[in-house]
Structure formats: structure tokens, C-alpha cells
N, C-alpha and C. Protein backbone atom coordinates (compact mmCIF):
# COMPACT_ATOMS: atom_id res chain seq x y z
N MET A 1 0.84 -1.17 0.00
CA MET A 1 0.00 0.00 0.00
C MET A 1 0.88 1.23 0.00
N GLY A 2 0.55 2.19 -0.82
CA GLY A 2 1.33 3.40 -0.88
C GLY A 2 1.09 4.15 -2.16
N ARG A 3 2.17 4.38 -2.90
CA ARG A 3 2.12 5.10 -4.16
C ARG A 3 2.85 4.28 -5.22
N GLU A 4 2.27 4.26 -6.43
CA GLU A 4 2.94 3.57 -7.53
C GLU A 4 2.62 4.28 -8.83
N VAL A 5 3.58 4.21 -9.75
CA VAL A 5 3.37 4.78 -11.07
C VAL A 5 2.76 3.69 -11.95
N ARG A 6 1.80 4.09 -12.75
CA ARG A 6 1.19 3.17 -13.71
C ARG A 6 1.31 3.78 -15.10
N ARG A 7 1.62 2.93 -16.07
CA ARG A 7 1.71 3.38 -17.46
C ARG A 7 0.32 3.28 -18.08
N VAL A 8 -0.08 4.38 -18.74
CA VAL A 8 -1.42 4.50 -19.30
C VAL A 8 -1.35 5.13 -20.68
N PRO A 9 -2.40 4.99 -21.48
CA PRO A 9 -2.45 5.73 -22.75
C PRO A 9 -2.55 7.24 -22.48
N ALA A 10 -2.14 8.03 -23.43
CA ALA A 10 -2.13 9.49 -23.28
C ALA A 10 -3.52 10.03 -22.94
N ASN A 11 -4.55 9.43 -23.48
CA ASN A 11 -5.91 9.94 -23.28
C ASN A 11 -6.69 9.21 -22.17
N TRP A 12 -6.01 8.44 -21.32
CA TRP A 12 -6.69 7.67 -20.28
C TRP A 12 -7.43 8.58 -19.31
N GLN A 13 -8.69 8.28 -19.13
CA GLN A 13 -9.52 8.95 -18.14
C GLN A 13 -9.97 7.88 -17.14
N HIS A 14 -9.44 7.94 -15.95
CA HIS A 14 -9.81 6.96 -14.93
C HIS A 14 -11.31 7.08 -14.67
N PRO A 15 -12.03 5.96 -14.58
CA PRO A 15 -13.49 6.02 -14.41
C PRO A 15 -13.92 6.59 -13.06
N ILE A 16 -15.06 7.25 -13.09
CA ILE A 16 -15.68 7.83 -11.90
C ILE A 16 -16.84 6.92 -11.50
N ASP A 17 -16.98 6.66 -10.23
CA ASP A 17 -18.11 5.89 -9.71
C ASP A 17 -19.34 6.80 -9.73
N PRO A 18 -20.38 6.43 -10.48
CA PRO A 18 -21.55 7.31 -10.59
C PRO A 18 -22.28 7.51 -9.26
N ASP A 19 -22.14 6.57 -8.34
CA ASP A 19 -22.82 6.68 -7.05
C ASP A 19 -22.14 7.66 -6.10
N THR A 20 -20.80 7.75 -6.20
CA THR A 20 -20.07 8.59 -5.25
C THR A 20 -19.49 9.86 -5.89
N GLY A 21 -19.34 9.84 -7.22
CA GLY A 21 -18.71 10.97 -7.89
C GLY A 21 -17.20 10.99 -7.72
N ARG A 22 -16.64 9.94 -7.14
CA ARG A 22 -15.19 9.83 -6.93
C ARG A 22 -14.61 8.81 -7.88
N TYR A 23 -13.28 8.85 -8.00
CA TYR A 23 -12.64 7.83 -8.82
C TYR A 23 -13.00 6.45 -8.32
N LYS A 24 -13.24 5.53 -9.27
CA LYS A 24 -13.51 4.14 -8.92
C LYS A 24 -12.17 3.45 -8.68
N PRO A 25 -11.94 2.90 -7.50
CA PRO A 25 -10.67 2.19 -7.26
C PRO A 25 -10.52 1.01 -8.22
N LEU A 26 -9.35 0.91 -8.83
CA LEU A 26 -9.05 -0.17 -9.77
C LEU A 26 -7.69 -0.77 -9.45
N PHE A 27 -7.65 -2.09 -9.43
CA PHE A 27 -6.37 -2.78 -9.31
C PHE A 27 -5.58 -2.58 -10.60
N ASP A 28 -4.27 -2.74 -10.53
CA ASP A 28 -3.43 -2.71 -11.71
C ASP A 28 -3.84 -3.87 -12.61
N GLY A 29 -4.11 -3.59 -13.87
CA GLY A 29 -4.60 -4.60 -14.81
C GLY A 29 -3.66 -5.77 -15.01
N ALA A 30 -2.37 -5.57 -14.76
CA ALA A 30 -1.40 -6.65 -14.94
C ALA A 30 -1.66 -7.81 -13.98
N GLY A 31 -2.38 -7.56 -12.89
CA GLY A 31 -2.63 -8.61 -11.91
C GLY A 31 -3.89 -9.40 -12.12
N PHE A 32 -4.72 -9.02 -13.11
CA PHE A 32 -6.01 -9.68 -13.26
C PHE A 32 -5.89 -11.17 -13.57
N ALA A 33 -5.08 -11.54 -14.54
CA ALA A 33 -4.99 -12.95 -14.95
C ALA A 33 -4.55 -13.83 -13.78
N ASP A 34 -3.57 -13.37 -13.01
CA ASP A 34 -3.09 -14.15 -11.86
C ASP A 34 -4.17 -14.25 -10.78
N ALA A 35 -4.87 -13.13 -10.52
CA ALA A 35 -5.92 -13.14 -9.49
C ALA A 35 -7.05 -14.09 -9.89
N LEU A 36 -7.44 -14.08 -11.16
CA LEU A 36 -8.50 -14.96 -11.63
C LEU A 36 -8.07 -16.42 -11.56
N ARG A 37 -6.85 -16.71 -12.01
CA ARG A 37 -6.33 -18.08 -11.96
C ARG A 37 -6.30 -18.58 -10.52
N GLU A 38 -5.77 -17.77 -9.60
CA GLU A 38 -5.68 -18.17 -8.21
C GLU A 38 -7.07 -18.40 -7.61
N TRP A 39 -8.01 -17.50 -7.89
CA TRP A 39 -9.37 -17.66 -7.36
C TRP A 39 -9.98 -18.96 -7.88
N ASN A 40 -9.85 -19.23 -9.18
CA ASN A 40 -10.41 -20.45 -9.76
C ASN A 40 -9.78 -21.70 -9.17
N GLU A 41 -8.46 -21.68 -8.95
CA GLU A 41 -7.78 -22.83 -8.35
C GLU A 41 -8.26 -23.06 -6.92
N GLU A 42 -8.36 -22.00 -6.14
CA GLU A 42 -8.81 -22.13 -4.75
C GLU A 42 -10.27 -22.53 -4.68
N ASN A 43 -11.08 -22.04 -5.60
CA ASN A 43 -12.48 -22.43 -5.65
C ASN A 43 -12.61 -23.92 -5.95
N ALA A 44 -11.81 -24.43 -6.88
CA ALA A 44 -11.84 -25.86 -7.22
C ALA A 44 -11.45 -26.70 -6.01
N LYS A 45 -10.40 -26.28 -5.28
CA LYS A 45 -10.00 -27.01 -4.06
C LYS A 45 -11.14 -27.00 -3.04
N TRP A 46 -11.73 -25.84 -2.84
CA TRP A 46 -12.83 -25.70 -1.87
C TRP A 46 -13.96 -26.66 -2.24
N SER A 47 -14.29 -26.71 -3.54
CA SER A 47 -15.37 -27.58 -4.01
C SER A 47 -15.06 -29.05 -3.78
N ARG A 48 -13.78 -29.42 -3.77
CA ARG A 48 -13.38 -30.80 -3.51
C ARG A 48 -13.27 -31.09 -2.01
N GLY A 49 -13.53 -30.09 -1.19
CA GLY A 49 -13.42 -30.27 0.26
C GLY A 49 -12.01 -30.08 0.79
N GLU A 50 -11.15 -29.47 0.00
CA GLU A 50 -9.78 -29.17 0.43
C GLU A 50 -9.74 -27.74 0.95
N PHE A 51 -9.78 -27.58 2.28
CA PHE A 51 -9.87 -26.27 2.90
C PHE A 51 -8.54 -25.85 3.50
N PRO A 52 -8.28 -24.56 3.53
CA PRO A 52 -7.08 -24.09 4.24
C PRO A 52 -7.20 -24.44 5.73
N ASP A 53 -6.09 -24.66 6.38
CA ASP A 53 -6.10 -25.02 7.81
C ASP A 53 -6.81 -23.97 8.65
N TYR A 54 -6.73 -22.72 8.25
CA TYR A 54 -7.31 -21.63 9.05
C TYR A 54 -8.80 -21.42 8.78
N ALA A 55 -9.41 -22.19 7.89
CA ALA A 55 -10.85 -22.09 7.66
C ALA A 55 -11.57 -22.82 8.79
N SER A 56 -12.44 -22.09 9.49
CA SER A 56 -13.16 -22.69 10.62
C SER A 56 -14.17 -23.72 10.13
N GLU A 57 -14.64 -24.55 11.05
CA GLU A 57 -15.66 -25.55 10.71
C GLU A 57 -16.91 -24.86 10.17
N GLU A 58 -17.28 -23.75 10.77
CA GLU A 58 -18.47 -23.02 10.33
C GLU A 58 -18.28 -22.49 8.90
N SER A 59 -17.11 -21.95 8.61
CA SER A 59 -16.87 -21.39 7.29
C SER A 59 -16.80 -22.47 6.21
N ARG A 60 -16.46 -23.68 6.59
CA ARG A 60 -16.38 -24.77 5.61
C ARG A 60 -17.74 -25.15 5.05
N GLY A 61 -18.81 -24.69 5.68
CA GLY A 61 -20.15 -24.90 5.16
C GLY A 61 -20.57 -23.86 4.14
N MET A 62 -19.74 -22.85 3.97
CA MET A 62 -20.04 -21.78 3.01
C MET A 62 -19.55 -22.16 1.62
N THR A 63 -20.01 -21.42 0.62
CA THR A 63 -19.41 -21.55 -0.71
C THR A 63 -18.09 -20.79 -0.68
N TYR A 64 -17.24 -21.05 -1.64
CA TYR A 64 -15.96 -20.34 -1.69
C TYR A 64 -16.19 -18.83 -1.85
N SER A 65 -17.16 -18.45 -2.66
CA SER A 65 -17.47 -17.02 -2.83
C SER A 65 -17.91 -16.38 -1.53
N GLU A 66 -18.70 -17.08 -0.76
CA GLU A 66 -19.15 -16.54 0.53
C GLU A 66 -17.97 -16.36 1.47
N TRP A 67 -17.01 -17.26 1.39
CA TRP A 67 -15.87 -17.22 2.30
C TRP A 67 -14.79 -16.23 1.85
N ALA A 68 -14.46 -16.27 0.56
CA ALA A 68 -13.31 -15.50 0.06
C ALA A 68 -13.68 -14.27 -0.75
N GLY A 69 -14.95 -14.11 -1.06
CA GLY A 69 -15.35 -13.01 -1.93
C GLY A 69 -15.57 -13.50 -3.35
N ASN A 70 -16.19 -12.66 -4.14
CA ASN A 70 -16.53 -13.04 -5.50
C ASN A 70 -15.32 -13.18 -6.41
N GLN A 71 -15.51 -13.93 -7.47
CA GLN A 71 -14.48 -14.11 -8.49
C GLN A 71 -14.06 -12.73 -9.02
N PRO A 72 -12.77 -12.51 -9.24
CA PRO A 72 -12.32 -11.22 -9.78
C PRO A 72 -13.01 -10.90 -11.10
N LYS A 73 -13.33 -9.61 -11.29
CA LYS A 73 -14.00 -9.13 -12.51
C LYS A 73 -13.08 -8.14 -13.21
N THR A 74 -13.10 -8.17 -14.53
CA THR A 74 -12.28 -7.23 -15.29
C THR A 74 -12.64 -5.79 -14.96
N SER A 75 -13.88 -5.52 -14.59
CA SER A 75 -14.30 -4.14 -14.29
C SER A 75 -13.65 -3.59 -13.02
N ASP A 76 -13.01 -4.44 -12.23
CA ASP A 76 -12.30 -4.00 -11.03
C ASP A 76 -10.81 -3.78 -11.28
N TYR A 77 -10.39 -3.92 -12.53
CA TYR A 77 -8.99 -3.79 -12.92
C TYR A 77 -8.85 -2.77 -14.04
N MET A 78 -7.70 -2.13 -14.08
CA MET A 78 -7.41 -1.24 -15.20
C MET A 78 -7.30 -2.08 -16.47
N PRO A 79 -7.60 -1.48 -17.62
CA PRO A 79 -7.46 -2.23 -18.87
C PRO A 79 -6.02 -2.72 -19.08
N ALA A 80 -5.90 -3.82 -19.77
CA ALA A 80 -4.58 -4.38 -20.09
C ALA A 80 -4.19 -3.91 -21.49
N TRP A 81 -3.79 -2.65 -21.59
CA TRP A 81 -3.42 -2.09 -22.88
C TRP A 81 -2.14 -2.72 -23.41
N PRO A 82 -1.99 -2.78 -24.73
CA PRO A 82 -0.70 -3.21 -25.28
C PRO A 82 0.39 -2.21 -24.87
N ASP A 83 1.61 -2.68 -24.75
CA ASP A 83 2.72 -1.83 -24.32
C ASP A 83 2.85 -0.56 -25.16
N GLU A 84 2.65 -0.68 -26.46
CA GLU A 84 2.84 0.49 -27.32
C GLU A 84 1.81 1.60 -27.06
N GLN A 85 0.70 1.27 -26.40
CA GLN A 85 -0.29 2.29 -26.06
C GLN A 85 -0.01 2.93 -24.70
N ARG A 86 0.83 2.32 -23.91
CA ARG A 86 1.14 2.83 -22.56
C ARG A 86 2.28 3.85 -22.65
N THR A 87 1.95 5.03 -23.14
CA THR A 87 2.97 6.04 -23.41
C THR A 87 3.11 7.08 -22.30
N HIS A 88 2.20 7.10 -21.34
CA HIS A 88 2.21 8.13 -20.31
C HIS A 88 2.23 7.51 -18.91
N LEU A 89 2.53 8.35 -17.94
CA LEU A 89 2.66 7.91 -16.55
C LEU A 89 1.67 8.65 -15.67
N MET A 90 1.04 7.91 -14.77
CA MET A 90 0.16 8.51 -13.76
C MET A 90 0.55 7.94 -12.41
N MET A 91 0.47 8.78 -11.39
CA MET A 91 0.75 8.32 -10.03
C MET A 91 -0.57 7.91 -9.40
N TYR A 92 -0.54 6.75 -8.76
CA TYR A 92 -1.72 6.19 -8.10
C TYR A 92 -1.44 5.99 -6.62
N GLU A 93 -2.49 6.16 -5.82
CA GLU A 93 -2.42 5.72 -4.43
C GLU A 93 -2.91 4.28 -4.45
N THR A 94 -2.28 3.45 -3.65
CA THR A 94 -2.68 2.04 -3.63
C THR A 94 -3.09 1.60 -2.24
N THR A 95 -3.51 2.57 -1.42
CA THR A 95 -4.06 2.23 -0.12
C THR A 95 -5.40 1.53 -0.33
N SER A 96 -6.15 2.01 -1.34
CA SER A 96 -7.32 1.26 -1.83
C SER A 96 -6.79 0.41 -2.99
N GLU A 97 -7.67 -0.05 -3.85
CA GLU A 97 -7.20 -0.81 -5.01
C GLU A 97 -6.33 0.07 -5.89
N GLY A 98 -6.64 1.34 -5.95
CA GLY A 98 -5.84 2.27 -6.73
C GLY A 98 -6.68 3.36 -7.38
N THR A 99 -6.39 4.60 -7.02
CA THR A 99 -7.01 5.75 -7.67
C THR A 99 -5.90 6.74 -7.99
N PRO A 100 -6.07 7.50 -9.08
CA PRO A 100 -5.01 8.43 -9.48
C PRO A 100 -4.91 9.63 -8.54
N ILE A 101 -3.66 10.09 -8.37
CA ILE A 101 -3.44 11.34 -7.64
C ILE A 101 -2.81 12.38 -8.56
N SER A 102 -2.71 12.05 -9.85
CA SER A 102 -2.13 12.99 -10.81
C SER A 102 -2.77 12.77 -12.17
N PRO A 103 -2.62 13.77 -13.06
CA PRO A 103 -2.94 13.52 -14.47
C PRO A 103 -1.83 12.69 -15.10
N ALA A 104 -2.00 12.35 -16.36
CA ALA A 104 -0.99 11.58 -17.10
C ALA A 104 0.07 12.52 -17.68
N PHE A 105 1.33 12.09 -17.62
CA PHE A 105 2.45 12.85 -18.16
C PHE A 105 3.31 11.95 -19.02
N GLU A 106 4.01 12.58 -19.96
CA GLU A 106 4.84 11.83 -20.89
C GLU A 106 6.16 11.38 -20.29
N THR A 107 6.70 12.15 -19.33
CA THR A 107 8.01 11.81 -18.77
C THR A 107 7.94 11.72 -17.24
N PRO A 108 8.84 10.95 -16.65
CA PRO A 108 8.91 10.90 -15.19
C PRO A 108 9.20 12.26 -14.57
N GLU A 109 10.02 13.05 -15.23
CA GLU A 109 10.38 14.37 -14.72
C GLU A 109 9.15 15.29 -14.66
N GLU A 110 8.33 15.27 -15.71
CA GLU A 110 7.11 16.09 -15.71
C GLU A 110 6.17 15.64 -14.60
N LEU A 111 6.03 14.35 -14.42
CA LEU A 111 5.15 13.82 -13.37
C LEU A 111 5.66 14.23 -12.00
N ALA A 112 6.95 14.02 -11.74
CA ALA A 112 7.51 14.37 -10.44
C ALA A 112 7.34 15.86 -10.15
N GLN A 113 7.57 16.70 -11.15
CA GLN A 113 7.44 18.14 -10.93
C GLN A 113 6.00 18.51 -10.62
N TRP A 114 5.04 17.91 -11.33
CA TRP A 114 3.62 18.19 -11.06
C TRP A 114 3.27 17.78 -9.62
N LEU A 115 3.74 16.63 -9.20
CA LEU A 115 3.44 16.16 -7.84
C LEU A 115 3.99 17.12 -6.78
N VAL A 116 5.19 17.63 -7.00
CA VAL A 116 5.78 18.60 -6.07
C VAL A 116 5.00 19.92 -6.12
N ASP A 117 4.79 20.43 -7.33
CA ASP A 117 4.11 21.73 -7.49
C ASP A 117 2.71 21.72 -6.90
N ASN A 118 2.04 20.57 -6.96
CA ASN A 118 0.66 20.48 -6.49
C ASN A 118 0.56 19.89 -5.08
N LYS A 119 1.72 19.73 -4.44
CA LYS A 119 1.78 19.22 -3.07
C LYS A 119 0.95 17.94 -2.91
N ALA A 120 1.15 17.03 -3.86
CA ALA A 120 0.44 15.75 -3.84
C ALA A 120 0.79 14.98 -2.57
N SER A 121 -0.19 14.28 -2.06
CA SER A 121 0.00 13.51 -0.84
C SER A 121 0.89 12.30 -1.08
N ALA A 122 1.97 12.23 -0.32
CA ALA A 122 2.82 11.05 -0.34
C ALA A 122 2.39 10.11 0.78
N PHE A 123 1.79 10.69 1.84
CA PHE A 123 1.26 9.94 2.98
C PHE A 123 0.49 10.93 3.84
N GLY A 124 -0.81 10.73 3.94
CA GLY A 124 -1.62 11.66 4.73
C GLY A 124 -1.42 13.08 4.22
N SER A 125 -1.04 13.99 5.11
CA SER A 125 -0.80 15.38 4.70
C SER A 125 0.64 15.62 4.30
N SER A 126 1.48 14.59 4.32
CA SER A 126 2.89 14.73 3.94
C SER A 126 3.03 14.73 2.42
N THR A 127 3.85 15.63 1.94
CA THR A 127 4.16 15.66 0.51
C THR A 127 5.54 15.02 0.31
N GLY A 128 5.97 14.95 -0.92
CA GLY A 128 7.27 14.36 -1.20
C GLY A 128 8.19 15.36 -1.88
N THR A 129 9.47 15.06 -1.87
CA THR A 129 10.45 15.88 -2.57
C THR A 129 10.46 15.50 -4.05
N TYR A 130 11.04 16.37 -4.86
CA TYR A 130 11.18 16.07 -6.28
C TYR A 130 11.96 14.78 -6.48
N GLU A 131 13.05 14.61 -5.75
CA GLU A 131 13.89 13.43 -5.89
C GLU A 131 13.13 12.15 -5.53
N GLY A 132 12.34 12.22 -4.45
CA GLY A 132 11.56 11.05 -4.04
C GLY A 132 10.50 10.69 -5.06
N TRP A 133 9.77 11.71 -5.51
CA TRP A 133 8.73 11.45 -6.52
C TRP A 133 9.35 10.95 -7.82
N LEU A 134 10.51 11.51 -8.19
CA LEU A 134 11.15 11.09 -9.44
C LEU A 134 11.54 9.62 -9.39
N ARG A 135 12.06 9.17 -8.26
CA ARG A 135 12.43 7.76 -8.12
C ARG A 135 11.20 6.87 -8.33
N VAL A 136 10.08 7.24 -7.73
CA VAL A 136 8.85 6.44 -7.89
C VAL A 136 8.35 6.55 -9.34
N ALA A 137 8.39 7.75 -9.90
CA ALA A 137 7.90 7.97 -11.26
C ALA A 137 8.70 7.22 -12.31
N ARG A 138 9.91 6.89 -12.00
CA ARG A 138 10.75 6.15 -12.96
C ARG A 138 10.46 4.66 -12.96
N GLY A 139 9.39 4.27 -12.34
CA GLY A 139 8.98 2.88 -12.44
C GLY A 139 8.88 2.14 -11.14
N GLY A 140 8.88 2.84 -10.07
CA GLY A 140 8.84 2.17 -8.79
C GLY A 140 7.55 2.34 -8.04
N TRP A 141 7.66 2.11 -6.78
CA TRP A 141 6.54 2.28 -5.87
C TRP A 141 7.13 2.65 -4.52
N ALA A 142 6.28 3.12 -3.66
CA ALA A 142 6.72 3.47 -2.32
C ALA A 142 5.63 3.09 -1.33
N PRO A 143 6.02 2.57 -0.17
CA PRO A 143 5.01 2.30 0.86
C PRO A 143 4.44 3.63 1.35
N SER A 144 3.30 3.57 2.00
CA SER A 144 2.67 4.79 2.50
C SER A 144 3.60 5.54 3.44
N MET A 145 4.17 4.82 4.38
CA MET A 145 5.05 5.47 5.34
C MET A 145 6.10 4.49 5.83
N VAL A 146 7.15 5.08 6.41
CA VAL A 146 8.23 4.31 6.98
C VAL A 146 8.50 4.87 8.37
N ALA A 147 8.59 3.99 9.34
CA ALA A 147 8.91 4.41 10.70
C ALA A 147 10.36 4.07 11.00
N THR A 148 11.08 5.06 11.48
CA THR A 148 12.48 4.86 11.87
C THR A 148 12.66 5.42 13.27
N ALA A 149 13.86 5.32 13.80
CA ALA A 149 14.15 5.89 15.12
C ALA A 149 13.94 7.40 15.12
N ALA A 150 14.09 8.03 13.95
CA ALA A 150 13.91 9.48 13.84
C ALA A 150 12.44 9.88 13.73
N GLY A 151 11.55 8.92 13.51
CA GLY A 151 10.13 9.22 13.40
C GLY A 151 9.51 8.62 12.15
N VAL A 152 8.31 9.07 11.85
CA VAL A 152 7.56 8.56 10.69
C VAL A 152 7.74 9.53 9.53
N THR A 153 7.98 8.98 8.35
CA THR A 153 8.09 9.78 7.14
C THR A 153 7.39 9.05 6.00
N SER A 154 7.10 9.75 4.94
CA SER A 154 6.46 9.11 3.78
C SER A 154 7.43 8.14 3.13
N GLY A 155 6.89 7.09 2.57
CA GLY A 155 7.73 6.13 1.86
C GLY A 155 8.37 6.73 0.63
N VAL A 156 7.73 7.75 0.04
CA VAL A 156 8.28 8.41 -1.15
C VAL A 156 9.66 8.97 -0.84
N ASP A 157 9.83 9.58 0.31
CA ASP A 157 11.11 10.20 0.65
C ASP A 157 12.03 9.31 1.48
N ALA A 158 11.48 8.25 2.06
CA ALA A 158 12.28 7.41 2.94
C ALA A 158 13.15 6.40 2.19
N LEU A 159 12.72 6.00 1.02
CA LEU A 159 13.46 4.95 0.30
C LEU A 159 14.61 5.49 -0.50
């Protein structure tokens, strides 16, 4: 959980939830196939009566969906665009599944500068430095915060 850069098409408009008027949290699309495969495998085991050790006797009477949640849906993930369409960078918070905290930019430097200029949240009310944002914008991620003997700081600047 924290901040991560995602590659998107130049014209990407993150969807808005019509009920809340806020960005709809979306997982990174690269994880959909693995999440679906894992859910299907675990569902098949559950159906055969092969339960995890930590599943209580009461929960073993449930369906796998009741116990673990519904099968992953593509609508909960960002589109899986071809690499050649992923020409821009957006910064996302990943404390939820993921919502954007910036517009899309062509270069990591432009993205980092926008994040600094707009005092984007690196963690709570903490912002990040240009150097910290640039490191994340170049293809990384940062945890929400890091605790050290000196105190708590944003992961953007701590790494």
C-alpha cells in the first residue's frame, strides 16, 4: 500500500463511480490474470473439500465465494493495454485498489514536478520531494510510510 506509477495511454480517463462521484478504485490490470487463476484454483479445491487449515468448521459450510469473496472481474482492474499504447505515466495511491493522484504525463520528470508543485499527498498530509517522486515515477513504488528511530516519514522520501 502506498504510491505507484502506472503506465497509461495518453488519453486515459480513470473512471468515476456514478454513485459517489469519486474515482472508482481499480487494481493494476497486470494482476487480473493471476488473481482470476488463483481464485479459480482455490475455488476448485474448496469444491473438492480441500480447505485451508485456518478455515473454521463453520466457514467450511459456506461456498468459496461466501468465504473468500466473488471471483475477480475485469471491471475492477485497469485495462490491459498493449505496451505500445502505454505512453504516459500517472501516479496512483494504492491504499485502496488504486485511484489516481495525478494527471498523465509523458516523462517521469514532468510527473515528479507536477506532484511537487501540487503538493500531492505522499502519505496523509505529507508531501514528497522532487527526488523522491522522481524515483517512484521512474517505475517504482513506495510504501505509504516508513517508521524509523527518527520518526515517521512518507515512503516516497524514505526509500
